[in-house]
Amino acid sequence: MDQDPQSPRLRIRIVFGEAEMMGPGKADLLEGIDRTGSIAAAGREMGMSYKRAWELIGTLNAMFHTPVVSSTRGGPGGGGAVLTNTGRQVLQLYRGFEADSAKAGAAQLAAFTALLRDIPDGK
């Protein structure tokens, strides 16, 4: 979903409970883990601390019936992380929800955009 960072866009957070939610940051982190095979590397790509990335994965793993990420400790052969089937399903559902919501709200988003004042050079 590459978009101009200055263009209006939806950022959806699904709240399941007081401390249980799924949003764009967690989805990006899951995609990073899937791409890099590492929680630490995915967090670094996002400018996130190692501790914060692990906290988010801990929260996600505790939210669902089964973990979304499976990890192995580092050592001589190195550690790693992979999305589980549940993790892939959670990511797919979230990204699908984002896409469907963007499509359904496109007219309203365009109307909001038309009401915005022009700001030369973003100032």
C-alpha atoms as a PDB file:
ATOM      1  CA  MET A   1       0.000   0.000   0.000  1.00  0.00           C
ATOM      2  CA  ASP A   2       2.575   2.581  -1.057  1.00  0.00           C
ATOM      3  CA  GLN A   3       1.017   6.016  -1.015  1.00  0.00           C
ATOM      4  CA  ASP A   4       2.236   9.577  -1.037  1.00  0.00           C
ATOM      5  CA  PRO A   5       2.809  10.277   2.678  1.00  0.00           C
ATOM      6  CA  GLN A   6       1.156  13.684   2.213  1.00  0.00           C
ATOM      7  CA  SER A   7      -2.072  12.319   0.730  1.00  0.00           C
ATOM      8  CA  PRO A   8      -4.989  11.574   3.044  1.00  0.00           C
ATOM      9  CA  ARG A   9      -5.266   7.903   3.948  1.00  0.00           C
ATOM     10  CA  LEU A  10      -6.949   5.666   6.448  1.00  0.00           C
ATOM     11  CA  ARG A  11      -5.040   4.245   9.403  1.00  0.00           C
ATOM     12  CA  ILE A  12      -7.174   1.563  10.940  1.00  0.00           C
ATOM     13  CA  ARG A  13      -6.834   0.179  14.446  1.00  0.00           C
ATOM     14  CA  ILE A  14      -9.096  -2.681  15.463  1.00  0.00           C
ATOM     15  CA  VAL A  15      -9.646  -2.663  19.212  1.00  0.00           C
ATOM     16  CA  PHE A  16     -10.482  -6.038  20.751  1.00  0.00           C
ATOM     17  CA  GLY A  17     -10.054  -5.028  24.378  1.00  0.00           C
ATOM     18  CA  GLU A  18      -8.363  -2.485  26.605  1.00  0.00           C
ATOM     19  CA  ALA A  19      -4.845  -3.623  25.723  1.00  0.00           C
ATOM     20  CA  GLU A  20      -5.608  -5.817  22.729  1.00  0.00           C
ATOM     21  CA  MET A  21      -5.572  -4.176  19.336  1.00  0.00           C
ATOM     22  CA  MET A  22      -4.310  -4.646  15.828  1.00  0.00           C
ATOM     23  CA  GLY A  23      -3.160  -1.709  13.784  1.00  0.00           C
ATOM     24  CA  PRO A  24      -0.828  -0.658  10.997  1.00  0.00           C
ATOM     25  CA  GLY A  25       2.307  -0.774  13.153  1.00  0.00           C
ATOM     26  CA  LYS A  26       1.774  -4.360  14.225  1.00  0.00           C
ATOM     27  CA  ALA A  27       0.881  -5.338  10.655  1.00  0.00           C
ATOM     28  CA  ASP A  28       4.072  -3.681   9.364  1.00  0.00           C
ATOM     29  CA  LEU A  29       6.073  -5.493  12.057  1.00  0.00           C
ATOM     30  CA  LEU A  30       4.577  -8.862  11.045  1.00  0.00           C
ATOM     31  CA  GLU A  31       5.408  -8.159   7.396  1.00  0.00           C
ATOM     32  CA  GLY A  32       8.954  -7.220   8.393  1.00  0.00           C
ATOM     33  CA  ILE A  33       9.376 -10.451  10.343  1.00  0.00           C
ATOM     34  CA  ASP A  34       8.068 -12.412   7.386  1.00  0.00           C
ATOM     35  CA  ARG A  35      10.539 -10.662   5.078  1.00  0.00           C
ATOM     36  CA  THR A  36      13.639 -10.651   7.328  1.00  0.00           C
ATOM     37  CA  GLY A  37      13.136 -13.767   9.460  1.00  0.00           C
ATOM     38  CA  SER A  38      13.962 -11.706  12.536  1.00  0.00           C
ATOM     39  CA  ILE A  39      11.995  -9.718  15.117  1.00  0.00           C
ATOM     40  CA  ALA A  40      15.033  -7.509  15.809  1.00  0.00           C
ATOM     41  CA  ALA A  41      15.679  -6.797  12.114  1.00  0.00           C
ATOM     42  CA  ALA A  42      12.015  -6.030  11.461  1.00  0.00           C
ATOM     43  CA  GLY A  43      11.975  -3.641  14.412  1.00  0.00           C
ATOM     44  CA  ARG A  44      15.188  -1.936  13.223  1.00  0.00           C
ATOM     45  CA  GLU A  45      13.656  -1.391   9.781  1.00  0.00           C
ATOM     46  CA  MET A  46      10.824   0.463  11.497  1.00  0.00           C
ATOM     47  CA  GLY A  47      13.089   2.470  13.804  1.00  0.00           C
ATOM     48  CA  MET A  48      11.756   0.504  16.757  1.00  0.00           C
ATOM     49  CA  SER A  49      13.777  -0.745  19.702  1.00  0.00           C
ATOM     50  CA  TYR A  50      14.417  -4.447  20.089  1.00  0.00           C
ATOM     51  CA  LYS A  51      12.498  -4.384  23.378  1.00  0.00           C
ATOM     52  CA  ARG A  52       9.459  -2.661  21.832  1.00  0.00           C
ATOM     53  CA  ALA A  53       9.327  -5.095  18.906  1.00  0.00           C
ATOM     54  CA  TRP A  54       9.400  -8.059  21.310  1.00  0.00           C
ATOM     55  CA  GLU A  55       6.704  -6.458  23.489  1.00  0.00           C
ATOM     56  CA  LEU A  56       4.397  -6.035  20.494  1.00  0.00           C
ATOM     57  CA  ILE A  57       4.942  -9.629  19.391  1.00  0.00           C
ATOM     58  CA  GLY A  58       4.326 -10.809  22.963  1.00  0.00           C
ATOM     59  CA  THR A  59       1.035  -8.908  22.995  1.00  0.00           C
ATOM     60  CA  LEU A  60       0.005 -10.348  19.625  1.00  0.00           C
ATOM     61  CA  ASN A  61       0.993 -13.884  20.610  1.00  0.00           C
ATOM     62  CA  ALA A  62      -1.125 -13.589  23.767  1.00  0.00           C
ATOM     63  CA  MET A  63      -4.156 -12.187  21.916  1.00  0.00           C
ATOM     64  CA  PHE A  64      -4.928 -15.159  19.700  1.00  0.00           C
ATOM     65  CA  HIS A  65      -5.613 -18.848  20.336  1.00  0.00           C
ATOM     66  CA  THR A  66      -2.186 -19.707  18.976  1.00  0.00           C
ATOM     67  CA  PRO A  67       0.937 -17.541  18.584  1.00  0.00           C
ATOM     68  CA  VAL A  68       1.342 -15.359  15.488  1.00  0.00           C
ATOM     69  CA  VAL A  69       5.148 -15.553  15.549  1.00  0.00           C
ATOM     70  CA  SER A  70       7.401 -18.466  16.384  1.00  0.00           C
ATOM     71  CA  SER A  71      10.978 -17.628  17.332  1.00  0.00           C
ATOM     72  CA  THR A  72      14.161 -19.460  18.156  1.00  0.00           C
ATOM     73  CA  ARG A  73      16.877 -18.102  20.410  1.00  0.00           C
ATOM     74  CA  GLY A  74      20.121 -16.783  19.001  1.00  0.00           C
ATOM     75  CA  GLY A  75      23.369 -18.637  19.426  1.00  0.00           C
ATOM     76  CA  PRO A  76      26.109 -20.093  17.237  1.00  0.00           C
ATOM     77  CA  GLY A  77      23.651 -20.787  14.415  1.00  0.00           C
ATOM     78  CA  GLY A  78      21.695 -17.584  15.065  1.00  0.00           C
ATOM     79  CA  GLY A  79      18.081 -17.232  16.033  1.00  0.00           C
ATOM     80  CA  GLY A  80      15.145 -16.387  13.893  1.00  0.00           C
ATOM     81  CA  ALA A  81      11.438 -15.797  13.696  1.00  0.00           C
ATOM     82  CA  VAL A  82       8.664 -16.836  11.350  1.00  0.00           C
ATOM     83  CA  LEU A  83       4.985 -16.094  11.056  1.00  0.00           C
ATOM     84  CA  THR A  84       2.822 -19.018  12.034  1.00  0.00           C
ATOM     85  CA  ASN A  85      -0.287 -19.955  10.072  1.00  0.00           C
ATOM     86  CA  THR A  86      -2.246 -17.857  12.566  1.00  0.00           C
ATOM     87  CA  GLY A  87       0.151 -14.948  12.008  1.00  0.00           C
ATOM     88  CA  ARG A  88      -0.309 -15.140   8.254  1.00  0.00           C
ATOM     89  CA  GLN A  89      -4.080 -15.291   8.674  1.00  0.00           C
ATOM     90  CA  VAL A  90      -4.124 -12.318  11.091  1.00  0.00           C
ATOM     91  CA  LEU A  91      -2.001 -10.266   8.680  1.00  0.00           C
ATOM     92  CA  GLN A  92      -4.129 -11.236   5.690  1.00  0.00           C
ATOM     93  CA  LEU A  93      -7.363 -10.396   7.527  1.00  0.00           C
ATOM     94  CA  TYR A  94      -6.032  -7.041   8.704  1.00  0.00           C
ATOM     95  CA  ARG A  95      -4.684  -6.013   5.282  1.00  0.00           C
ATOM     96  CA  GLY A  96      -7.949  -7.135   3.679  1.00  0.00           C
ATOM     97  CA  PHE A  97      -9.924  -5.068   6.178  1.00  0.00           C
ATOM     98  CA  GLU A  98      -7.707  -2.062   5.375  1.00  0.00           C
ATOM     99  CA  ALA A  99      -8.194  -2.470   1.623  1.00  0.00           C
ATOM    100  CA  ASP A 100     -11.953  -2.980   1.887  1.00  0.00           C
ATOM    101  CA  SER A 101     -12.298   0.031   4.196  1.00  0.00           C
ATOM    102  CA  ALA A 102     -10.239   2.259   1.901  1.00  0.00           C
ATOM    103  CA  LYS A 103     -12.353   1.232  -1.066  1.00  0.00           C
ATOM    104  CA  ALA A 104     -15.621   1.764   0.820  1.00  0.00           C
ATOM    105  CA  GLY A 105     -14.514   5.152   2.167  1.00  0.00           C
ATOM    106  CA  ALA A 106     -12.885   6.508  -1.014  1.00  0.00           C
ATOM    107  CA  ALA A 107     -15.703   8.961  -1.797  1.00  0.00           C
ATOM    108  CA  GLN A 108     -15.765  10.343   1.739  1.00  0.00           C
ATOM    109  CA  LEU A 109     -11.974  10.624   1.802  1.00  0.00           C
ATOM    110  CA  ALA A 110     -12.067  12.519  -1.506  1.00  0.00           C
ATOM    111  CA  ALA A 111     -14.725  14.843  -0.061  1.00  0.00           C
ATOM    112  CA  PHE A 112     -12.549  15.498   3.007  1.00  0.00           C
ATOM    113  CA  THR A 113      -9.590  16.186   0.737  1.00  0.00           C
ATOM    114  CA  ALA A 114     -11.602  18.686  -1.306  1.00  0.00           C
ATOM    115  CA  LEU A 115     -12.363  20.604   1.914  1.00  0.00           C
ATOM    116  CA  LEU A 116      -8.729  20.898   2.965  1.00  0.00           C
ATOM    117  CA  ARG A 117      -7.034  24.241   2.451  1.00  0.00           C
ATOM    118  CA  ASP A 118      -4.022  24.359   0.193  1.00  0.00           C
ATOM    119  CA  ILE A 119      -0.750  24.671   2.055  1.00  0.00           C
ATOM    120  CA  PRO A 120       2.077  25.781  -0.255  1.00  0.00           C
ATOM    121  CA  ASP A 121       5.205  23.626   0.132  1.00  0.00           C
ATOM    122  CA  GLY A 122       3.619  21.869   3.121  1.00  0.00           C
ATOM    123  CA  LYS A 123       4.011  25.002   5.312  1.00  0.00           C
END
